[in-house]
Amino acid sequence: MDTVQTLQLVLRLALAATFAFMGVSHFLPGPARAMAAMIPPSLRGSGILRPTNLVAFTGICEIAGAIGMLVPQTRFAAGVALVVFLLAVFPANTYAAQHPEKFGRAAFPFWPRFAAQLVLIALVMLAVL
């Protein structure tokens, strides 16, 4: 294994651990409530599209993406799916940034969050290519 492959493996493992940890947090009562509150009103639905269901679904997506990154046959597809996931959840991060009085520390300022999201997307793609 050359240096680039080793670095990719380390990056994949770190990202998989991060996505798995974050995915599991979607099923903890406190964080799940906070995440449900971060869903913008325009995206809140009822029934299956209820915020708590969306939080659970995104948690499953993160866990599945983490596992998929570690399986050679699914690595690239998992990376693409995680990029789509990161784009899909960005409106919730934007909503939280616009309401720091409501979300406290979760209301990470928009531009640093945007930059971090772009870096995370780039890291995911570097890890799976």
N, C-alpha and C. Protein backbone atom coordinates (compact mmCIF):
# COMPACT_ATOMS: atom_id res chain seq x y z
N MET A 1 0.85 -1.18 0.00
CA MET A 1 0.00 0.00 0.00
C MET A 1 0.89 1.24 0.00
N ASP A 2 0.65 2.15 -0.93
CA ASP A 2 1.48 3.36 -1.00
C ASP A 2 0.95 4.43 -0.04
N THR A 3 1.63 5.53 0.03
CA THR A 3 1.30 6.60 0.97
C THR A 3 -0.09 7.18 0.71
N VAL A 4 -0.42 7.38 -0.55
CA VAL A 4 -1.74 7.94 -0.89
C VAL A 4 -2.85 6.99 -0.44
N GLN A 5 -2.68 5.72 -0.70
CA GLN A 5 -3.70 4.75 -0.29
C GLN A 5 -3.82 4.69 1.23
N THR A 6 -2.70 4.80 1.92
CA THR A 6 -2.72 4.80 3.38
C THR A 6 -3.46 6.02 3.90
N LEU A 7 -3.17 7.18 3.33
CA LEU A 7 -3.86 8.41 3.74
C LEU A 7 -5.36 8.31 3.45
N GLN A 8 -5.73 7.76 2.31
CA GLN A 8 -7.14 7.58 1.98
C GLN A 8 -7.82 6.65 2.99
N LEU A 9 -7.14 5.58 3.36
CA LEU A 9 -7.69 4.65 4.33
C LEU A 9 -7.90 5.33 5.68
N VAL A 10 -6.92 6.08 6.13
CA VAL A 10 -7.05 6.79 7.40
C VAL A 10 -8.20 7.79 7.32
N LEU A 11 -8.29 8.52 6.22
CA LEU A 11 -9.37 9.49 6.03
C LEU A 11 -10.72 8.79 6.02
N ARG A 12 -10.82 7.66 5.31
CA ARG A 12 -12.07 6.89 5.25
C ARG A 12 -12.49 6.43 6.65
N LEU A 13 -11.53 5.92 7.40
CA LEU A 13 -11.84 5.45 8.76
C LEU A 13 -12.30 6.60 9.65
N ALA A 14 -11.62 7.74 9.55
CA ALA A 14 -12.00 8.90 10.36
C ALA A 14 -13.39 9.41 9.97
N LEU A 15 -13.64 9.50 8.67
CA LEU A 15 -14.96 9.96 8.22
C LEU A 15 -16.06 8.96 8.58
N ALA A 16 -15.77 7.68 8.41
CA ALA A 16 -16.77 6.66 8.76
C ALA A 16 -17.10 6.74 10.24
N ALA A 17 -16.09 6.90 11.08
CA ALA A 17 -16.35 7.01 12.53
C ALA A 17 -17.17 8.26 12.83
N THR A 18 -16.85 9.36 12.18
CA THR A 18 -17.59 10.61 12.40
C THR A 18 -19.04 10.47 11.96
N PHE A 19 -19.26 9.96 10.74
CA PHE A 19 -20.64 9.80 10.26
C PHE A 19 -21.41 8.80 11.11
N ALA A 20 -20.77 7.73 11.54
CA ALA A 20 -21.46 6.74 12.38
C ALA A 20 -21.84 7.37 13.72
N PHE A 21 -20.92 8.09 14.34
CA PHE A 21 -21.20 8.75 15.61
C PHE A 21 -22.34 9.75 15.46
N MET A 22 -22.27 10.56 14.42
CA MET A 22 -23.33 11.56 14.20
C MET A 22 -24.66 10.87 13.89
N GLY A 23 -24.61 9.80 13.12
CA GLY A 23 -25.84 9.06 12.82
C GLY A 23 -26.49 8.51 14.06
N VAL A 24 -25.70 7.92 14.93
CA VAL A 24 -26.24 7.38 16.19
C VAL A 24 -26.84 8.50 17.03
N SER A 25 -26.24 9.68 17.00
CA SER A 25 -26.76 10.79 17.80
C SER A 25 -28.18 11.19 17.39
N HIS A 26 -28.58 10.85 16.19
CA HIS A 26 -29.94 11.16 15.73
C HIS A 26 -30.99 10.35 16.48
N PHE A 27 -30.55 9.34 17.21
CA PHE A 27 -31.48 8.49 17.94
C PHE A 27 -31.43 8.73 19.45
N LEU A 28 -30.65 9.71 19.87
CA LEU A 28 -30.61 10.09 21.28
C LEU A 28 -31.64 11.20 21.49
N PRO A 29 -32.46 11.10 22.53
CA PRO A 29 -33.59 12.03 22.68
C PRO A 29 -33.24 13.51 22.59
N GLY A 30 -32.24 13.97 23.33
CA GLY A 30 -31.89 15.40 23.31
C GLY A 30 -31.44 15.88 21.96
N PRO A 31 -30.40 15.26 21.40
CA PRO A 31 -29.95 15.70 20.07
C PRO A 31 -31.03 15.54 19.00
N ALA A 32 -31.82 14.49 19.07
CA ALA A 32 -32.87 14.29 18.07
C ALA A 32 -33.89 15.43 18.11
N ARG A 33 -34.26 15.85 19.32
CA ARG A 33 -35.21 16.99 19.45
C ARG A 33 -34.61 18.26 18.86
N ALA A 34 -33.31 18.49 19.16
CA ALA A 34 -32.65 19.69 18.65
C ALA A 34 -32.58 19.66 17.12
N MET A 35 -32.27 18.49 16.57
CA MET A 35 -32.19 18.37 15.10
C MET A 35 -33.56 18.56 14.46
N ALA A 36 -34.59 18.02 15.08
CA ALA A 36 -35.95 18.18 14.54
C ALA A 36 -36.34 19.65 14.53
N ALA A 37 -35.93 20.39 15.57
CA ALA A 37 -36.25 21.82 15.64
C ALA A 37 -35.51 22.61 14.57
N MET A 38 -34.36 22.10 14.11
CA MET A 38 -33.57 22.79 13.11
C MET A 38 -34.14 22.68 11.69
N ILE A 39 -35.08 21.79 11.49
CA ILE A 39 -35.66 21.66 10.16
C ILE A 39 -36.50 22.90 9.88
N PRO A 40 -36.21 23.61 8.80
CA PRO A 40 -36.95 24.84 8.51
C PRO A 40 -38.45 24.59 8.38
N PRO A 41 -39.26 25.54 8.84
CA PRO A 41 -40.72 25.37 8.77
C PRO A 41 -41.21 25.00 7.37
N SER A 42 -40.58 25.54 6.34
CA SER A 42 -41.02 25.26 4.97
C SER A 42 -40.79 23.81 4.56
N LEU A 43 -39.93 23.10 5.28
CA LEU A 43 -39.64 21.70 4.95
C LEU A 43 -40.29 20.71 5.91
N ARG A 44 -41.03 21.23 6.88
CA ARG A 44 -41.68 20.34 7.85
C ARG A 44 -42.96 19.80 7.27
N GLY A 45 -43.13 18.52 7.42
CA GLY A 45 -44.34 17.87 6.95
C GLY A 45 -45.04 17.18 8.09
N SER A 46 -46.00 16.37 7.73
CA SER A 46 -46.71 15.58 8.72
C SER A 46 -46.63 14.12 8.30
N GLY A 47 -47.09 13.25 9.16
CA GLY A 47 -47.05 11.83 8.85
C GLY A 47 -45.62 11.38 8.70
N ILE A 48 -45.34 10.71 7.61
CA ILE A 48 -43.99 10.17 7.40
C ILE A 48 -42.94 11.27 7.25
N LEU A 49 -43.34 12.47 6.86
CA LEU A 49 -42.40 13.58 6.68
C LEU A 49 -42.30 14.47 7.93
N ARG A 50 -42.78 13.98 9.04
CA ARG A 50 -42.69 14.68 10.32
C ARG A 50 -41.21 14.86 10.67
N PRO A 51 -40.85 15.99 11.30
CA PRO A 51 -39.44 16.25 11.61
C PRO A 51 -38.73 15.11 12.35
N THR A 52 -39.38 14.48 13.30
CA THR A 52 -38.71 13.39 14.02
C THR A 52 -38.41 12.21 13.09
N ASN A 53 -39.28 11.96 12.14
CA ASN A 53 -39.02 10.89 11.17
C ASN A 53 -37.88 11.28 10.23
N LEU A 54 -37.82 12.54 9.84
CA LEU A 54 -36.73 13.00 8.98
C LEU A 54 -35.39 12.88 9.70
N VAL A 55 -35.38 13.19 10.99
CA VAL A 55 -34.15 13.07 11.78
C VAL A 55 -33.72 11.60 11.84
N ALA A 56 -34.66 10.71 12.08
CA ALA A 56 -34.33 9.28 12.12
C ALA A 56 -33.81 8.82 10.75
N PHE A 57 -34.47 9.26 9.68
CA PHE A 57 -34.04 8.87 8.34
C PHE A 57 -32.62 9.36 8.05
N THR A 58 -32.34 10.61 8.42
CA THR A 58 -30.99 11.12 8.15
C THR A 58 -29.95 10.41 9.02
N GLY A 59 -30.34 9.98 10.21
CA GLY A 59 -29.43 9.18 11.03
C GLY A 59 -29.11 7.86 10.37
N ILE A 60 -30.12 7.22 9.82
CA ILE A 60 -29.90 5.96 9.10
C ILE A 60 -29.00 6.20 7.89
N CYS A 61 -29.23 7.31 7.18
CA CYS A 61 -28.38 7.64 6.02
C CYS A 61 -26.92 7.79 6.43
N GLU A 62 -26.67 8.46 7.54
CA GLU A 62 -25.28 8.65 7.99
C GLU A 62 -24.63 7.33 8.38
N ILE A 63 -25.37 6.50 9.10
CA ILE A 63 -24.82 5.20 9.50
C ILE A 63 -24.57 4.32 8.28
N ALA A 64 -25.52 4.29 7.36
CA ALA A 64 -25.34 3.49 6.14
C ALA A 64 -24.18 4.02 5.31
N GLY A 65 -24.04 5.33 5.22
CA GLY A 65 -22.92 5.92 4.48
C GLY A 65 -21.59 5.57 5.12
N ALA A 66 -21.54 5.59 6.45
CA ALA A 66 -20.32 5.24 7.16
C ALA A 66 -19.91 3.80 6.87
N ILE A 67 -20.87 2.91 6.94
CA ILE A 67 -20.59 1.50 6.65
C ILE A 67 -20.19 1.34 5.18
N GLY A 68 -20.93 1.99 4.30
CA GLY A 68 -20.67 1.88 2.86
C GLY A 68 -19.29 2.35 2.47
N MET A 69 -18.77 3.37 3.17
CA MET A 69 -17.42 3.86 2.86
C MET A 69 -16.35 2.82 3.16
N LEU A 70 -16.66 1.88 4.03
CA LEU A 70 -15.67 0.89 4.44
C LEU A 70 -15.69 -0.38 3.60
N VAL A 71 -16.70 -0.50 2.75
CA VAL A 71 -16.84 -1.68 1.89
C VAL A 71 -16.37 -1.31 0.49
N PRO A 72 -15.31 -1.94 0.01
CA PRO A 72 -14.76 -1.55 -1.30
C PRO A 72 -15.80 -1.50 -2.43
N GLN A 73 -16.72 -2.45 -2.46
CA GLN A 73 -17.70 -2.50 -3.55
C GLN A 73 -18.72 -1.36 -3.48
N THR A 74 -18.91 -0.77 -2.31
CA THR A 74 -19.91 0.30 -2.17
C THR A 74 -19.29 1.65 -1.84
N ARG A 75 -17.99 1.70 -1.75
CA ARG A 75 -17.28 2.90 -1.29
C ARG A 75 -17.66 4.15 -2.09
N PHE A 76 -17.56 4.08 -3.40
CA PHE A 76 -17.83 5.27 -4.22
C PHE A 76 -19.30 5.68 -4.13
N ALA A 77 -20.21 4.72 -4.23
CA ALA A 77 -21.64 5.03 -4.13
C ALA A 77 -21.97 5.64 -2.77
N ALA A 78 -21.35 5.12 -1.72
CA ALA A 78 -21.58 5.67 -0.38
C ALA A 78 -21.07 7.10 -0.30
N GLY A 79 -19.91 7.36 -0.91
CA GLY A 79 -19.38 8.72 -0.92
C GLY A 79 -20.30 9.69 -1.63
N VAL A 80 -20.80 9.28 -2.78
CA VAL A 80 -21.74 10.14 -3.52
C VAL A 80 -23.01 10.36 -2.70
N ALA A 81 -23.51 9.30 -2.08
CA ALA A 81 -24.72 9.41 -1.26
C ALA A 81 -24.48 10.34 -0.07
N LEU A 82 -23.30 10.29 0.53
CA LEU A 82 -23.01 11.19 1.64
C LEU A 82 -22.90 12.64 1.18
N VAL A 83 -22.38 12.86 -0.01
CA VAL A 83 -22.34 14.23 -0.55
C VAL A 83 -23.77 14.73 -0.74
N VAL A 84 -24.63 13.91 -1.32
CA VAL A 84 -26.05 14.29 -1.48
C VAL A 84 -26.67 14.56 -0.11
N PHE A 85 -26.37 13.71 0.84
CA PHE A 85 -26.87 13.89 2.21
C PHE A 85 -26.42 15.24 2.77
N LEU A 86 -25.13 15.56 2.63
CA LEU A 86 -24.62 16.82 3.15
C LEU A 86 -25.30 18.03 2.50
N LEU A 87 -25.60 17.92 1.23
CA LEU A 87 -26.33 19.00 0.56
C LEU A 87 -27.78 19.07 1.05
N ALA A 88 -28.37 17.92 1.28
CA ALA A 88 -29.78 17.87 1.69
C ALA A 88 -30.00 18.43 3.10
N VAL A 89 -29.04 18.24 3.99
CA VAL A 89 -29.23 18.72 5.36
C VAL A 89 -28.76 20.16 5.55
N PHE A 90 -28.14 20.73 4.54
CA PHE A 90 -27.62 22.09 4.68
C PHE A 90 -28.71 23.12 4.99
N PRO A 91 -29.92 23.01 4.44
CA PRO A 91 -30.95 23.99 4.82
C PRO A 91 -31.22 24.02 6.33
N ALA A 92 -31.12 22.89 7.00
CA ALA A 92 -31.31 22.88 8.45
C ALA A 92 -30.18 23.64 9.14
N ASN A 93 -28.97 23.49 8.65
CA ASN A 93 -27.84 24.22 9.22
C ASN A 93 -27.99 25.72 8.98
N THR A 94 -28.48 26.06 7.80
CA THR A 94 -28.71 27.47 7.47
C THR A 94 -29.79 28.06 8.39
N TYR A 95 -30.87 27.33 8.58
CA TYR A 95 -31.96 27.78 9.46
C TYR A 95 -31.44 28.00 10.88
N ALA A 96 -30.65 27.07 11.36
CA ALA A 96 -30.08 27.22 12.71
C ALA A 96 -29.18 28.44 12.78
N ALA A 97 -28.37 28.67 11.75
CA ALA A 97 -27.47 29.83 11.73
C ALA A 97 -28.25 31.14 11.77
N GLN A 98 -29.44 31.13 11.19
CA GLN A 98 -30.26 32.34 11.16
C GLN A 98 -30.99 32.60 12.48
N HIS A 99 -30.98 31.61 13.37
CA HIS A 99 -31.70 31.73 14.64
C HIS A 99 -30.83 31.33 15.82
N PRO A 100 -29.73 32.06 16.04
CA PRO A 100 -28.83 31.70 17.13
C PRO A 100 -29.50 31.78 18.51
N GLU A 101 -30.49 32.66 18.65
CA GLU A 101 -31.18 32.78 19.93
C GLU A 101 -31.94 31.50 20.28
N LYS A 102 -32.31 30.75 19.28
CA LYS A 102 -33.07 29.51 19.48
C LYS A 102 -32.17 28.29 19.58
N PHE A 103 -31.04 28.28 18.87
CA PHE A 103 -30.23 27.08 18.75
C PHE A 103 -28.88 27.14 19.45
N GLY A 104 -28.52 28.27 20.00
CA GLY A 104 -27.27 28.36 20.77
C GLY A 104 -26.06 27.92 19.98
N ARG A 105 -25.28 26.97 20.54
CA ARG A 105 -24.04 26.52 19.90
C ARG A 105 -24.28 25.81 18.58
N ALA A 106 -25.45 25.24 18.38
CA ALA A 106 -25.75 24.56 17.11
C ALA A 106 -25.93 25.56 15.98
N ALA A 107 -26.10 26.83 16.34
CA ALA A 107 -26.29 27.89 15.34
C ALA A 107 -24.94 28.40 14.87
N PHE A 108 -24.16 27.51 14.31
CA PHE A 108 -22.84 27.86 13.79
C PHE A 108 -23.02 28.91 12.69
N PRO A 109 -22.26 30.00 12.69
CA PRO A 109 -22.42 31.04 11.67
C PRO A 109 -22.39 30.48 10.25
N PHE A 110 -23.18 31.08 9.39
CA PHE A 110 -23.40 30.54 8.04
C PHE A 110 -22.12 30.33 7.24
N TRP A 111 -21.32 31.37 7.06
CA TRP A 111 -20.17 31.25 6.14
C TRP A 111 -19.12 30.26 6.62
N PRO A 112 -18.77 30.24 7.89
CA PRO A 112 -17.85 29.18 8.32
C PRO A 112 -18.46 27.78 8.16
N ARG A 113 -19.77 27.64 8.40
CA ARG A 113 -20.44 26.35 8.22
C ARG A 113 -20.43 25.96 6.75
N PHE A 114 -20.70 26.92 5.88
CA PHE A 114 -20.68 26.67 4.44
C PHE A 114 -19.29 26.19 4.00
N ALA A 115 -18.25 26.89 4.46
CA ALA A 115 -16.88 26.50 4.11
C ALA A 115 -16.57 25.11 4.66
N ALA A 116 -16.97 24.83 5.88
CA ALA A 116 -16.72 23.52 6.47
C ALA A 116 -17.46 22.42 5.70
N GLN A 117 -18.65 22.74 5.26
CA GLN A 117 -19.43 21.76 4.48
C GLN A 117 -18.73 21.43 3.16
N LEU A 118 -18.19 22.46 2.50
CA LEU A 118 -17.45 22.24 1.26
C LEU A 118 -16.20 21.40 1.50
N VAL A 119 -15.50 21.68 2.58
CA VAL A 119 -14.31 20.90 2.92
C VAL A 119 -14.70 19.45 3.21
N LEU A 120 -15.78 19.26 3.95
CA LEU A 120 -16.24 17.90 4.27
C LEU A 120 -16.62 17.14 2.99
N ILE A 121 -17.30 17.80 2.08
CA ILE A 121 -17.66 17.17 0.80
C ILE A 121 -16.39 16.76 0.06
N ALA A 122 -15.41 17.65 0.01
CA ALA A 122 -14.15 17.35 -0.68
C ALA A 122 -13.43 16.18 -0.01
N LEU A 123 -13.43 16.15 1.31
CA LEU A 123 -12.78 15.05 2.03
C LEU A 123 -13.47 13.71 1.76
N VAL A 124 -14.80 13.72 1.73
CA VAL A 124 -15.53 12.49 1.43
C VAL A 124 -15.14 11.99 0.05
N MET A 125 -15.11 12.87 -0.92
CA MET A 125 -14.77 12.43 -2.28
C MET A 125 -13.31 11.97 -2.37
N LEU A 126 -12.42 12.66 -1.69
CA LEU A 126 -11.02 12.21 -1.68
C LEU A 126 -10.87 10.83 -1.05
N ALA A 127 -11.68 10.57 -0.06
CA ALA A 127 -11.58 9.29 0.67
C ALA A 127 -12.08 8.11 -0.16
N VAL A 128 -13.00 8.37 -1.08
CA VAL A 128 -13.61 7.25 -1.79
C VAL A 128 -13.13 7.08 -3.24
N LEU A 129 -12.34 7.99 -3.72
CA LEU A 129 -11.84 7.89 -5.11
C LEU A 129 -10.68 6.91 -5.21
